[in-house]
Amino acid sequence: MTSTNTLHGWVRRHTLLAALAAILIYVLLAVALGNVLSDLVSDDQEAAQFALGHLVPLPIGIAVLLLVVRWSGNGAAVWKEQPTPTLRPRRWYLIAIPVLAVGTYLVGATAIPWAERGVGIIALVAAGTLLVGLGEELAIRGVLLAALRERHGEFVTLFVTSLVFALIHIPGSIISGNPLLFIVIQVAGLMVVGGTYYWIRRITGRLWVAVLVHAFTDWVLYLSGDDVVTATSVPRGQSATDLITGNAEIVLWLFLALGVLSVIREDHRNRKPRQLEHDTVAPETDH
């Protein structure tokens, strides 16, 4: 009990370090344990590999993240916030980001050879990708985002969450034997994807929406690939540039760029009241 209380207190005092530690544990469980478990069965048993690589390690990692949320005492900030379109200035144009992201994958889903996918595989992949969406969004756009906001502005929060999201996929690429150039391109592409999920959370004001969109996009990616199920709980062998394609990609990237400018201006607006408060209090402290 004493050790638990000590850990509880440490998490409260060091929320950012606790968030990064929880993410590290989650990635180790997702990639290392996921691959170890999936290797227990032969390569011709793809469904069993997928189940062992996803349905066993990910719930453990999610449980660790939920403990951090509980011990941090910051649960409300992890799960929800005021939707950006209701803030001033309204910035309704940013709604285009989730609309384009979801629309792209709805179109992509029409290309899936549904007749070749059994109902069991479709359901299994749906369950696995839902766990991936919950785990990664809870870790990055939940625990980490809330911890960053305690000390930093929205630009730093957007950049760091997108970068960490990209970096956690590197171990899966290394295990797959992907070349360095591929990994570099993948990191850049996944940072864009991470920015998209950041705005899905902010526009809707709810983490669970980002979880569902993340799960849906991964579900479409898995079912669209030649190899429907893979051994690891972090998708491998996927090109990050394939996540957003064609004209929708160009338009979405344009709105994401506008989003970056938006958070820079937001940070500037938020600094003004703090500076004004400081200027007002400072003379009083001189007496």
Protein backbone atom coordinates (compact mmCIF):
# COMPACT_ATOMS: atom_id res chain seq x y z
CA MET A 1 0.00 0.00 0.00
CA THR A 2 2.81 2.39 0.89
CA SER A 3 4.65 1.76 -2.38
CA THR A 4 1.42 2.30 -4.31
CA ASN A 5 0.79 5.60 -2.52
CA THR A 6 4.38 6.67 -3.23
CA LEU A 7 3.98 5.90 -6.93
CA HIS A 8 0.62 7.67 -6.90
CA GLY A 9 2.24 10.79 -5.44
CA TRP A 10 5.15 10.66 -7.89
CA VAL A 11 2.75 10.56 -10.84
CA ARG A 12 0.92 13.63 -9.51
CA ARG A 13 4.17 15.57 -9.11
CA HIS A 14 5.74 14.50 -12.40
CA THR A 15 2.86 14.20 -14.85
CA LEU A 16 4.96 14.62 -18.01
CA LEU A 17 7.59 12.07 -16.95
CA ALA A 18 4.79 9.71 -15.88
CA ALA A 19 3.14 10.14 -19.28
CA LEU A 20 6.36 9.33 -21.16
CA ALA A 21 7.05 6.34 -18.89
CA ALA A 22 3.53 5.00 -19.45
CA ILE A 23 3.93 5.41 -23.23
CA LEU A 24 7.24 3.53 -23.11
CA ILE A 25 5.61 0.67 -21.19
CA TYR A 26 2.72 0.62 -23.65
CA VAL A 27 5.05 0.44 -26.67
CA LEU A 28 7.10 -2.35 -25.08
CA LEU A 29 3.93 -4.34 -24.47
CA ALA A 30 2.50 -3.60 -27.91
CA VAL A 31 5.62 -4.35 -29.92
CA ALA A 32 7.84 -6.66 -27.86
CA LEU A 33 5.23 -8.74 -26.05
CA GLY A 34 2.93 -8.62 -29.08
CA ASN A 35 5.61 -10.12 -31.32
CA VAL A 36 6.67 -12.70 -28.76
CA LEU A 37 3.10 -13.93 -28.35
CA SER A 38 2.34 -13.93 -32.07
CA ASP A 39 5.49 -15.99 -32.71
CA LEU A 40 4.03 -18.78 -30.57
CA VAL A 41 1.94 -19.88 -33.53
CA SER A 42 2.99 -20.70 -37.08
CA ASP A 43 2.89 -18.16 -39.90
CA ASP A 44 0.00 -19.91 -41.61
CA GLN A 45 -2.24 -19.17 -38.61
CA GLU A 46 -2.66 -15.46 -39.31
CA ALA A 47 -5.84 -15.00 -37.30
CA ALA A 48 -4.23 -16.54 -34.22
CA GLN A 49 -1.13 -14.36 -34.69
CA PHE A 50 -3.25 -11.24 -34.91
CA ALA A 51 -5.32 -12.19 -31.87
CA LEU A 52 -2.27 -12.94 -29.72
CA GLY A 53 -0.44 -9.83 -30.91
CA HIS A 54 -3.35 -7.50 -30.21
CA LEU A 55 -5.95 -8.90 -27.84
CA VAL A 56 -3.49 -9.91 -25.11
CA PRO A 57 -0.81 -7.19 -24.76
CA LEU A 58 -2.89 -4.12 -25.62
CA PRO A 59 -5.44 -4.44 -22.78
CA ILE A 60 -2.50 -4.67 -20.35
CA GLY A 61 -0.96 -1.52 -21.80
CA ILE A 62 -4.31 0.29 -21.71
CA ALA A 63 -4.71 -0.70 -18.05
CA VAL A 64 -1.33 0.91 -17.28
CA LEU A 65 -2.44 4.11 -19.03
CA LEU A 66 -5.73 4.17 -17.11
CA LEU A 67 -3.83 3.87 -13.83
CA VAL A 68 -1.71 6.87 -14.77
CA VAL A 69 -4.87 8.83 -15.62
CA ARG A 70 -6.38 7.94 -12.24
CA TRP A 71 -3.23 8.67 -10.23
CA SER A 72 -2.57 11.97 -12.00
CA GLY A 73 -5.90 13.39 -10.91
CA ASN A 74 -6.18 14.95 -14.37
CA GLY A 75 -8.85 12.69 -15.82
CA ALA A 76 -11.15 15.42 -17.09
CA ALA A 77 -8.36 17.04 -19.12
CA VAL A 78 -7.41 13.63 -20.58
CA TRP A 79 -10.84 12.76 -21.87
CA LYS A 80 -12.43 16.03 -22.94
CA GLU A 81 -12.06 19.75 -23.57
CA GLN A 82 -14.09 22.60 -24.94
CA PRO A 83 -14.50 22.09 -28.72
CA THR A 84 -12.37 24.55 -30.67
CA PRO A 85 -15.26 25.85 -32.85
CA THR A 86 -16.96 27.13 -29.68
CA LEU A 87 -13.91 29.18 -28.67
CA ARG A 88 -13.27 32.71 -29.86
CA PRO A 89 -12.34 33.18 -32.60
CA ARG A 90 -14.59 30.37 -33.81
CA ARG A 91 -12.28 28.84 -36.46
CA TRP A 92 -15.06 26.83 -38.06
CA TYR A 93 -12.81 26.12 -41.06
CA LEU A 94 -10.87 23.57 -38.98
CA ILE A 95 -13.89 21.27 -39.07
CA ALA A 96 -12.66 20.40 -42.58
CA ILE A 97 -9.82 18.35 -41.02
CA PRO A 98 -11.93 15.57 -39.44
CA VAL A 99 -14.36 15.67 -42.36
CA LEU A 100 -11.57 15.14 -44.91
CA ALA A 101 -9.84 12.50 -42.77
CA VAL A 102 -12.97 10.40 -42.30
CA GLY A 103 -14.15 10.96 -45.87
CA THR A 104 -10.85 9.73 -47.31
CA TYR A 105 -11.13 6.40 -45.51
CA LEU A 106 -14.81 6.00 -46.27
CA VAL A 107 -13.83 6.16 -49.93
CA GLY A 108 -10.92 3.81 -49.25
CA ALA A 109 -13.26 1.30 -47.65
CA THR A 110 -15.10 0.91 -50.95
CA ALA A 111 -11.93 -0.59 -52.46
CA ILE A 112 -11.68 -3.38 -49.87
CA PRO A 113 -12.33 -6.82 -51.43
CA TRP A 114 -15.08 -7.61 -48.92
CA ALA A 115 -15.99 -10.87 -50.64
CA GLU A 116 -12.49 -12.20 -49.95
CA ARG A 117 -12.58 -11.25 -46.26
CA GLY A 118 -14.38 -13.61 -43.94
CA VAL A 119 -16.75 -12.23 -41.34
CA GLY A 120 -14.53 -13.63 -38.60
CA ILE A 121 -11.42 -11.81 -39.88
CA ILE A 122 -13.34 -8.56 -40.34
CA ALA A 123 -14.61 -8.74 -36.75
CA LEU A 124 -11.21 -9.77 -35.38
CA VAL A 125 -9.42 -6.91 -37.12
CA ALA A 126 -12.13 -4.51 -35.90
CA ALA A 127 -11.55 -5.60 -32.30
CA GLY A 128 -7.77 -5.35 -32.67
CA THR A 129 -7.78 -1.93 -34.31
CA LEU A 130 -10.24 -0.61 -31.72
CA LEU A 131 -7.70 -1.55 -29.04
CA VAL A 132 -4.92 0.11 -31.06
CA GLY A 133 -7.00 3.27 -31.43
CA LEU A 134 -7.86 3.35 -27.74
CA GLY A 135 -4.32 2.63 -26.59
CA GLU A 136 -2.50 5.09 -28.86
CA GLU A 137 -5.02 7.91 -28.48
CA LEU A 138 -5.23 7.50 -24.71
CA ALA A 139 -1.43 7.54 -24.54
CA ILE A 140 -0.72 10.40 -26.97
CA ARG A 141 -3.78 12.63 -27.33
CA GLY A 142 -4.88 11.84 -23.78
CA VAL A 143 -2.21 11.35 -21.12
CA LEU A 144 0.67 13.08 -22.93
CA LEU A 145 -1.44 15.95 -24.28
CA ALA A 146 -2.89 16.75 -20.85
CA ALA A 147 0.58 16.66 -19.25
CA LEU A 148 2.07 18.96 -21.89
CA ARG A 149 -0.75 21.49 -21.53
CA GLU A 150 0.06 21.94 -17.85
CA ARG A 151 3.31 23.72 -18.75
CA HIS A 152 3.25 24.49 -22.46
CA GLY A 153 1.13 26.13 -25.13
CA GLU A 154 -0.80 24.50 -27.94
CA PHE A 155 1.98 24.68 -30.54
CA VAL A 156 4.35 22.66 -28.34
CA THR A 157 1.49 20.29 -27.46
CA LEU A 158 0.64 19.75 -31.13
CA PHE A 159 4.27 19.29 -32.18
CA VAL A 160 5.36 16.99 -29.35
CA THR A 161 2.28 14.74 -29.44
CA SER A 162 2.63 14.37 -33.22
CA LEU A 163 6.35 13.63 -32.93
CA VAL A 164 5.95 11.05 -30.16
CA PHE A 165 3.11 9.42 -32.10
CA ALA A 166 5.45 9.02 -35.06
CA LEU A 167 8.37 7.79 -32.96
CA ILE A 168 6.41 4.99 -31.26
CA HIS A 169 5.98 3.34 -34.66
CA ILE A 170 9.73 3.09 -35.28
CA PRO A 171 10.22 -0.17 -33.30
CA GLY A 172 7.66 -1.92 -35.48
CA SER A 173 9.43 -0.73 -38.62
CA ILE A 174 12.82 -1.88 -37.29
CA ILE A 175 11.44 -5.33 -36.48
CA SER A 176 10.02 -5.48 -40.01
CA GLY A 177 13.48 -4.74 -41.41
CA ASN A 178 12.48 -1.51 -43.14
CA PRO A 179 15.39 0.65 -44.41
CA LEU A 180 16.37 3.90 -42.72
CA LEU A 181 15.03 6.07 -45.53
CA PHE A 182 11.62 4.42 -45.21
CA ILE A 183 11.61 5.04 -41.46
CA VAL A 184 12.50 8.72 -41.93
CA ILE A 185 9.69 9.16 -44.46
CA GLN A 186 7.35 7.22 -42.20
CA VAL A 187 8.10 9.48 -39.23
CA ALA A 188 7.40 12.60 -41.31
CA GLY A 189 4.16 11.15 -42.66
CA LEU A 190 2.97 9.93 -39.26
CA MET A 191 3.60 13.35 -37.74
CA VAL A 192 1.05 14.67 -40.22
CA VAL A 193 -1.34 11.88 -39.23
CA GLY A 194 -0.73 12.71 -35.56
CA GLY A 195 -1.62 16.32 -36.26
CA THR A 196 -4.85 15.14 -37.86
CA TYR A 197 -5.84 13.15 -34.76
CA TYR A 198 -4.91 16.15 -32.58
CA TRP A 199 -7.42 18.28 -34.44
CA ILE A 200 -10.08 15.58 -34.39
CA ARG A 201 -9.87 15.65 -30.61
CA ARG A 202 -9.87 19.44 -30.43
CA ILE A 203 -12.66 20.01 -32.96
CA THR A 204 -15.00 17.51 -31.27
CA GLY A 205 -13.76 18.14 -27.75
CA ARG A 206 -13.77 14.41 -27.00
CA LEU A 207 -10.93 11.87 -26.99
CA TRP A 208 -13.27 8.99 -27.81
CA VAL A 209 -13.99 10.49 -31.25
CA ALA A 210 -10.27 10.41 -32.06
CA VAL A 211 -10.20 6.82 -30.77
CA LEU A 212 -12.98 5.74 -33.13
CA VAL A 213 -11.54 7.56 -36.16
CA HIS A 214 -8.09 6.10 -35.45
CA ALA A 215 -9.58 2.61 -35.12
CA PHE A 216 -11.57 3.02 -38.34
CA THR A 217 -8.58 4.21 -40.37
CA ASP A 218 -6.41 1.33 -39.15
CA TRP A 219 -9.25 -1.11 -39.83
CA VAL A 220 -9.48 0.11 -43.44
CA LEU A 221 -5.68 -0.07 -43.83
CA TYR A 222 -5.49 -3.63 -42.53
CA LEU A 223 -8.37 -4.92 -44.65
CA SER A 224 -7.10 -3.11 -47.75
CA GLY A 225 -3.64 -4.71 -47.56
CA ASP A 226 -2.50 -7.92 -49.18
CA ASP A 227 -1.55 -9.26 -45.77
CA VAL A 228 -4.74 -8.73 -43.80
CA VAL A 229 -3.32 -9.54 -40.38
CA THR A 230 0.17 -8.87 -39.08
CA ALA A 231 2.02 -10.08 -36.03
CA THR A 232 2.51 -6.83 -34.19
CA SER A 233 0.00 -4.57 -32.52
CA VAL A 234 1.51 -1.54 -34.27
CA PRO A 235 0.76 -1.68 -38.05
CA ARG A 236 3.85 -2.57 -40.03
CA GLY A 237 4.82 -2.33 -43.65
CA GLN A 238 2.39 0.53 -44.21
CA SER A 239 3.59 3.61 -46.06
CA ALA A 240 2.68 6.70 -44.08
CA THR A 241 2.10 8.59 -47.36
CA ASP A 242 -0.67 6.09 -48.20
CA LEU A 243 -2.78 7.33 -45.28
CA ILE A 244 -4.03 10.36 -47.16
CA THR A 245 -4.12 10.23 -50.94
CA GLY A 246 -4.90 12.24 -54.05
CA ASN A 247 -6.55 15.61 -53.97
CA ALA A 248 -7.92 15.01 -50.46
CA GLU A 249 -4.32 14.76 -49.25
CA ILE A 250 -3.40 18.15 -50.68
CA VAL A 251 -6.49 19.83 -49.26
CA LEU A 252 -6.07 18.17 -45.86
CA TRP A 253 -2.42 19.21 -45.63
CA LEU A 254 -3.47 22.77 -46.45
CA PHE A 255 -5.92 22.82 -43.55
CA LEU A 256 -3.34 21.21 -41.25
CA ALA A 257 -0.93 24.03 -42.14
CA LEU A 258 -3.67 26.51 -41.31
CA GLY A 259 -4.11 24.63 -38.05
CA VAL A 260 -0.44 25.16 -37.17
CA LEU A 261 -0.80 28.89 -37.80
CA SER A 262 -3.96 28.81 -35.73
CA VAL A 263 -2.28 27.37 -32.62
CA ILE A 264 0.63 29.81 -32.96
CA ARG A 265 -1.85 32.69 -32.92
CA GLU A 266 -3.76 31.02 -30.10
CA ASP A 267 -0.62 30.87 -27.98
CA HIS A 268 0.04 34.53 -28.76
CA ARG A 269 -3.47 35.50 -27.64
CA ASN A 270 -3.15 33.46 -24.45
CA ARG A 271 0.18 35.11 -23.58
CA LYS A 272 -1.39 38.57 -23.59
CA PRO A 273 -3.62 38.05 -20.50
CA ARG A 274 -0.72 36.43 -18.62
CA GLN A 275 1.58 39.33 -19.50
CA LEU A 276 -1.09 41.85 -18.51
CA GLU A 277 -1.57 40.08 -15.18
CA HIS A 278 2.18 40.07 -14.61
CA ASP A 279 2.45 43.79 -15.41
CA THR A 280 -0.40 44.53 -13.02
CA VAL A 281 1.00 42.50 -10.13
CA ALA A 282 4.66 43.47 -10.59
CA PRO A 283 4.39 47.06 -9.23
CA GLU A 284 2.66 45.76 -6.08
CA THR A 285 5.56 43.43 -5.34
CA ASP A 286 7.96 46.36 -5.35
CA HIS A 287 6.51 47.80 -2.12
